[in-house]
Amino acid sequence: MPGKSALSSPTEKHVRHLARLLDRRTQLAPLVASAIGGAQTFVLEIGCGHGHFLTAYANVHRDELCIGVDIASDRIARAVRKQERAGLANLHFIRADADLLLDALPSSVAISAVFILFPDPWPKLRHHKHRIAQAWFLGRLAERLGEDGRLYFRTDHLPYFESTRTEISMHPRLVLVEEGWPFECPTVFQNRAVRYYSLTAKLRPPEA
């Protein structure tokens, strides 16, 4: 059994964690730059899975740059195959944590629309910290959302929907809007859902 000196201290673990994040950002930057090209705006899907929704969206909206991100390499591999079969030059899939992708975006680029479709609801209370629709991350999205940009969120988990709606209602940078859903292409999760719930948000107008 190793002595105390052989065990990593919390500080050492934190340093290694920061080093890994820096390495991921370094690797991600050229991938994002290549996908963005000269575009000033793009459509983002967070948790794109196998790319079913975004491939269909990009096929219909060929004048819009579309980027899908997911942390699972097998999902991204399948999404890339869809993109290649469809021959869509305006579509890219990148394996990345969404937060790190936002870090890698050039400062001049804005998100015109972001889709978060059927994310993991992490239903147990002790796991809520893993949910993507939290105030801090919504704030990060708001920082990169274009002036007329939209955030589209859909889930079949009612408690998660209600908590997300509350987070956005209380957020200083975002406001809920009553608008129709911009594009329908049912995902696997949507087809399985007995019922699902959708919301749309935009940047909160500055106070007069």
Protein backbone atom coordinates (compact mmCIF):
# COMPACT_ATOMS: atom_id res chain seq x y z
CA MET A 1 0.00 0.00 0.00
CA PRO A 2 1.53 3.35 -1.00
CA GLY A 3 2.34 5.87 1.66
CA LYS A 4 0.77 9.30 1.85
CA SER A 5 3.57 10.82 -0.19
CA ALA A 6 2.67 8.57 -3.13
CA LEU A 7 -0.95 9.67 -3.19
CA SER A 8 -2.05 12.66 -5.22
CA SER A 9 -3.13 15.68 -3.25
CA PRO A 10 -6.29 17.58 -4.21
CA THR A 11 -4.04 20.36 -5.52
CA GLU A 12 -2.11 17.96 -7.77
CA LYS A 13 -5.35 16.49 -9.11
CA HIS A 14 -6.63 19.99 -9.84
CA VAL A 15 -3.42 20.88 -11.68
CA ARG A 16 -3.65 17.72 -13.80
CA HIS A 17 -7.31 18.47 -14.54
CA LEU A 18 -6.43 21.98 -15.72
CA ALA A 19 -3.63 20.58 -17.86
CA ARG A 20 -6.03 18.16 -19.53
CA LEU A 21 -8.50 20.98 -20.23
CA LEU A 22 -5.75 23.09 -21.76
CA ASP A 23 -4.70 20.17 -23.94
CA ARG A 24 -8.27 19.63 -25.13
CA ARG A 25 -8.66 23.33 -25.95
CA THR A 26 -5.40 23.28 -27.89
CA GLN A 27 -6.54 20.27 -29.93
CA LEU A 28 -10.03 21.68 -30.46
CA ALA A 29 -9.06 25.16 -31.71
CA PRO A 30 -7.92 24.12 -35.23
CA LEU A 31 -10.92 21.81 -35.67
CA VAL A 32 -13.32 24.61 -34.83
CA ALA A 33 -11.46 27.12 -36.98
CA SER A 34 -11.59 24.73 -39.94
CA ALA A 35 -15.32 24.14 -39.48
CA ILE A 36 -16.10 27.85 -39.10
CA GLY A 37 -14.05 28.96 -42.10
CA GLY A 38 -15.06 32.51 -42.94
CA ALA A 39 -18.58 32.29 -41.52
CA GLN A 40 -19.80 34.95 -39.12
CA THR A 41 -22.74 32.95 -37.74
CA PHE A 42 -23.62 29.29 -37.38
CA VAL A 43 -26.27 26.90 -36.06
CA LEU A 44 -25.18 24.74 -33.13
CA GLU A 45 -26.67 21.48 -31.87
CA ILE A 46 -25.43 20.42 -28.45
CA GLY A 47 -25.62 16.67 -27.87
CA CYS A 48 -26.10 15.93 -31.56
CA GLY A 49 -26.00 12.16 -31.10
CA HIS A 50 -25.90 10.36 -34.45
CA GLY A 51 -26.59 13.59 -36.32
CA HIS A 52 -30.08 12.75 -37.54
CA PHE A 53 -31.67 16.11 -36.74
CA LEU A 54 -28.82 18.41 -37.78
CA THR A 55 -28.17 16.55 -41.04
CA ALA A 56 -31.81 17.04 -42.01
CA TYR A 57 -31.68 20.69 -40.93
CA ALA A 58 -28.46 21.39 -42.87
CA ASN A 59 -29.88 19.72 -45.98
CA VAL A 60 -32.83 22.11 -45.98
CA HIS A 61 -30.82 25.18 -44.90
CA ARG A 62 -27.79 24.92 -47.16
CA ASP A 63 -26.95 28.59 -46.78
CA GLU A 64 -26.40 28.14 -43.03
CA LEU A 65 -23.28 26.69 -41.43
CA CYS A 66 -24.24 23.93 -38.98
CA ILE A 67 -22.05 22.38 -36.29
CA GLY A 68 -23.02 19.49 -34.04
CA VAL A 69 -21.10 18.53 -30.90
CA ASP A 70 -21.23 15.45 -28.73
CA ILE A 71 -18.83 13.94 -26.22
CA ALA A 72 -19.24 10.36 -27.46
CA SER A 73 -16.80 9.39 -30.24
CA ASP A 74 -19.03 6.61 -31.61
CA ARG A 75 -21.94 9.01 -32.01
CA ILE A 76 -19.78 11.55 -33.80
CA ALA A 77 -18.42 8.83 -36.10
CA ARG A 78 -21.94 7.87 -37.14
CA ALA A 79 -22.92 11.53 -37.55
CA VAL A 80 -19.91 12.15 -39.79
CA ARG A 81 -20.92 9.20 -41.97
CA LYS A 82 -24.37 10.76 -42.38
CA GLN A 83 -22.78 14.07 -43.36
CA GLU A 84 -20.51 12.39 -45.90
CA ARG A 85 -23.35 10.39 -47.47
CA ALA A 86 -25.42 13.57 -47.75
CA GLY A 87 -22.49 15.51 -49.20
CA LEU A 88 -23.22 18.56 -47.07
CA ALA A 89 -20.33 21.04 -47.09
CA ASN A 90 -22.21 23.28 -44.64
CA LEU A 91 -22.33 20.60 -41.93
CA HIS A 92 -19.65 19.58 -39.43
CA PHE A 93 -19.62 17.29 -36.41
CA ILE A 94 -17.02 17.68 -33.68
CA ARG A 95 -16.34 15.53 -30.65
CA ALA A 96 -16.17 18.06 -27.84
CA ASP A 97 -17.62 19.23 -24.59
CA ALA A 98 -19.95 22.10 -25.43
CA ASP A 99 -18.30 24.41 -22.91
CA LEU A 100 -14.88 23.82 -24.49
CA LEU A 101 -16.30 24.40 -27.96
CA LEU A 102 -17.55 27.81 -26.84
CA ASP A 103 -14.04 28.56 -25.57
CA ALA A 104 -12.61 27.68 -28.98
CA LEU A 105 -14.92 29.91 -30.99
CA PRO A 106 -13.36 32.95 -32.63
CA SER A 107 -14.56 36.14 -30.94
CA SER A 108 -16.10 37.44 -34.19
CA VAL A 109 -18.44 34.46 -34.64
CA ALA A 110 -21.98 34.39 -33.25
CA ILE A 111 -24.48 31.56 -32.82
CA SER A 112 -27.66 32.17 -34.80
CA ALA A 113 -29.52 29.22 -33.27
CA VAL A 114 -28.69 26.56 -30.71
CA PHE A 115 -30.67 23.35 -30.37
CA ILE A 116 -30.61 21.25 -27.20
CA LEU A 117 -32.84 18.27 -27.92
CA PHE A 118 -33.70 15.63 -25.34
CA PRO A 119 -30.59 16.05 -23.18
CA ASP A 120 -29.94 13.65 -20.32
CA PRO A 121 -32.33 14.86 -17.58
CA TRP A 122 -30.18 13.48 -14.74
CA PRO A 123 -33.40 12.92 -12.76
CA LYS A 124 -31.87 12.20 -9.34
CA LEU A 125 -31.43 15.30 -7.21
CA ARG A 126 -27.79 14.60 -6.49
CA HIS A 127 -27.12 14.50 -10.25
CA HIS A 128 -28.83 17.77 -11.15
CA LYS A 129 -25.43 19.46 -11.17
CA HIS A 130 -24.69 17.53 -14.40
CA ARG A 131 -27.64 19.01 -16.31
CA ILE A 132 -26.61 21.19 -19.21
CA ALA A 133 -29.41 23.73 -18.78
CA GLN A 134 -27.96 25.46 -15.74
CA ALA A 135 -27.67 29.19 -15.16
CA TRP A 136 -23.89 29.33 -15.68
CA PHE A 137 -24.03 27.48 -19.00
CA LEU A 138 -27.06 29.41 -20.23
CA GLY A 139 -24.99 32.51 -19.52
CA ARG A 140 -22.16 31.15 -21.63
CA LEU A 141 -24.57 30.54 -24.51
CA ALA A 142 -26.00 34.04 -24.13
CA GLU A 143 -22.50 35.48 -24.48
CA ARG A 144 -22.15 33.88 -27.92
CA LEU A 145 -25.75 34.16 -29.13
CA GLY A 146 -26.29 36.62 -31.96
CA GLU A 147 -28.59 39.61 -31.55
CA ASP A 148 -31.44 37.77 -33.27
CA GLY A 149 -30.32 34.33 -32.15
CA ARG A 150 -32.54 31.74 -30.56
CA LEU A 151 -32.13 28.94 -28.03
CA TYR A 152 -34.37 25.94 -28.68
CA PHE A 153 -34.81 23.37 -25.92
CA ARG A 154 -36.91 20.20 -26.00
CA THR A 155 -37.29 17.33 -23.53
CA ASP A 156 -39.73 14.58 -22.61
CA HIS A 157 -38.90 14.97 -18.91
CA LEU A 158 -41.40 17.42 -17.43
CA PRO A 159 -39.43 18.27 -14.24
CA TYR A 160 -36.38 19.10 -16.35
CA PHE A 161 -38.48 21.23 -18.67
CA GLU A 162 -39.94 23.15 -15.74
CA SER A 163 -36.54 23.69 -14.14
CA THR A 164 -35.11 24.93 -17.46
CA ARG A 165 -38.03 27.27 -17.94
CA THR A 166 -37.46 28.63 -14.45
CA GLU A 167 -33.72 29.06 -15.06
CA ILE A 168 -34.37 31.04 -18.24
CA SER A 169 -37.17 33.10 -16.67
CA MET A 170 -34.80 34.19 -13.92
CA HIS A 171 -31.76 34.66 -16.16
CA PRO A 172 -30.51 38.24 -16.61
CA ARG A 173 -29.43 37.65 -20.24
CA LEU A 174 -32.27 35.53 -21.65
CA VAL A 175 -36.03 35.75 -22.02
CA LEU A 176 -38.63 33.19 -23.09
CA VAL A 177 -40.52 33.86 -26.31
CA GLU A 178 -43.69 32.39 -27.77
CA GLU A 179 -42.66 31.29 -31.25
CA GLY A 180 -43.24 28.27 -33.41
CA TRP A 181 -40.63 25.52 -33.58
CA PRO A 182 -38.39 26.35 -36.56
CA PHE A 183 -37.74 22.88 -37.96
CA GLU A 184 -39.26 19.49 -37.30
CA CYS A 185 -37.34 16.27 -37.82
CA PRO A 186 -38.17 13.80 -35.04
CA THR A 187 -35.18 12.26 -33.32
CA VAL A 188 -35.11 8.71 -31.94
CA PHE A 189 -35.90 10.09 -28.48
CA GLN A 190 -38.77 12.16 -29.80
CA ASN A 191 -40.28 9.15 -31.57
CA ARG A 192 -40.10 7.21 -28.30
CA ALA A 193 -41.63 9.98 -26.21
CA VAL A 194 -45.27 9.79 -25.21
CA ARG A 195 -45.17 13.55 -24.76
CA TYR A 196 -42.49 16.21 -25.01
CA TYR A 197 -42.11 19.87 -24.09
CA SER A 198 -40.44 22.69 -25.99
CA LEU A 199 -39.35 26.23 -25.25
CA THR A 200 -37.63 29.03 -27.12
CA ALA A 201 -35.52 31.83 -25.69
CA LYS A 202 -33.65 34.85 -27.03
CA LEU A 203 -31.42 37.55 -25.64
CA ARG A 204 -33.19 39.80 -23.19
CA PRO A 205 -33.64 43.27 -24.68
CA PRO A 206 -31.61 45.97 -22.91
CA GLU A 207 -33.57 48.07 -20.48
CA ALA A 208 -34.51 51.50 -21.77
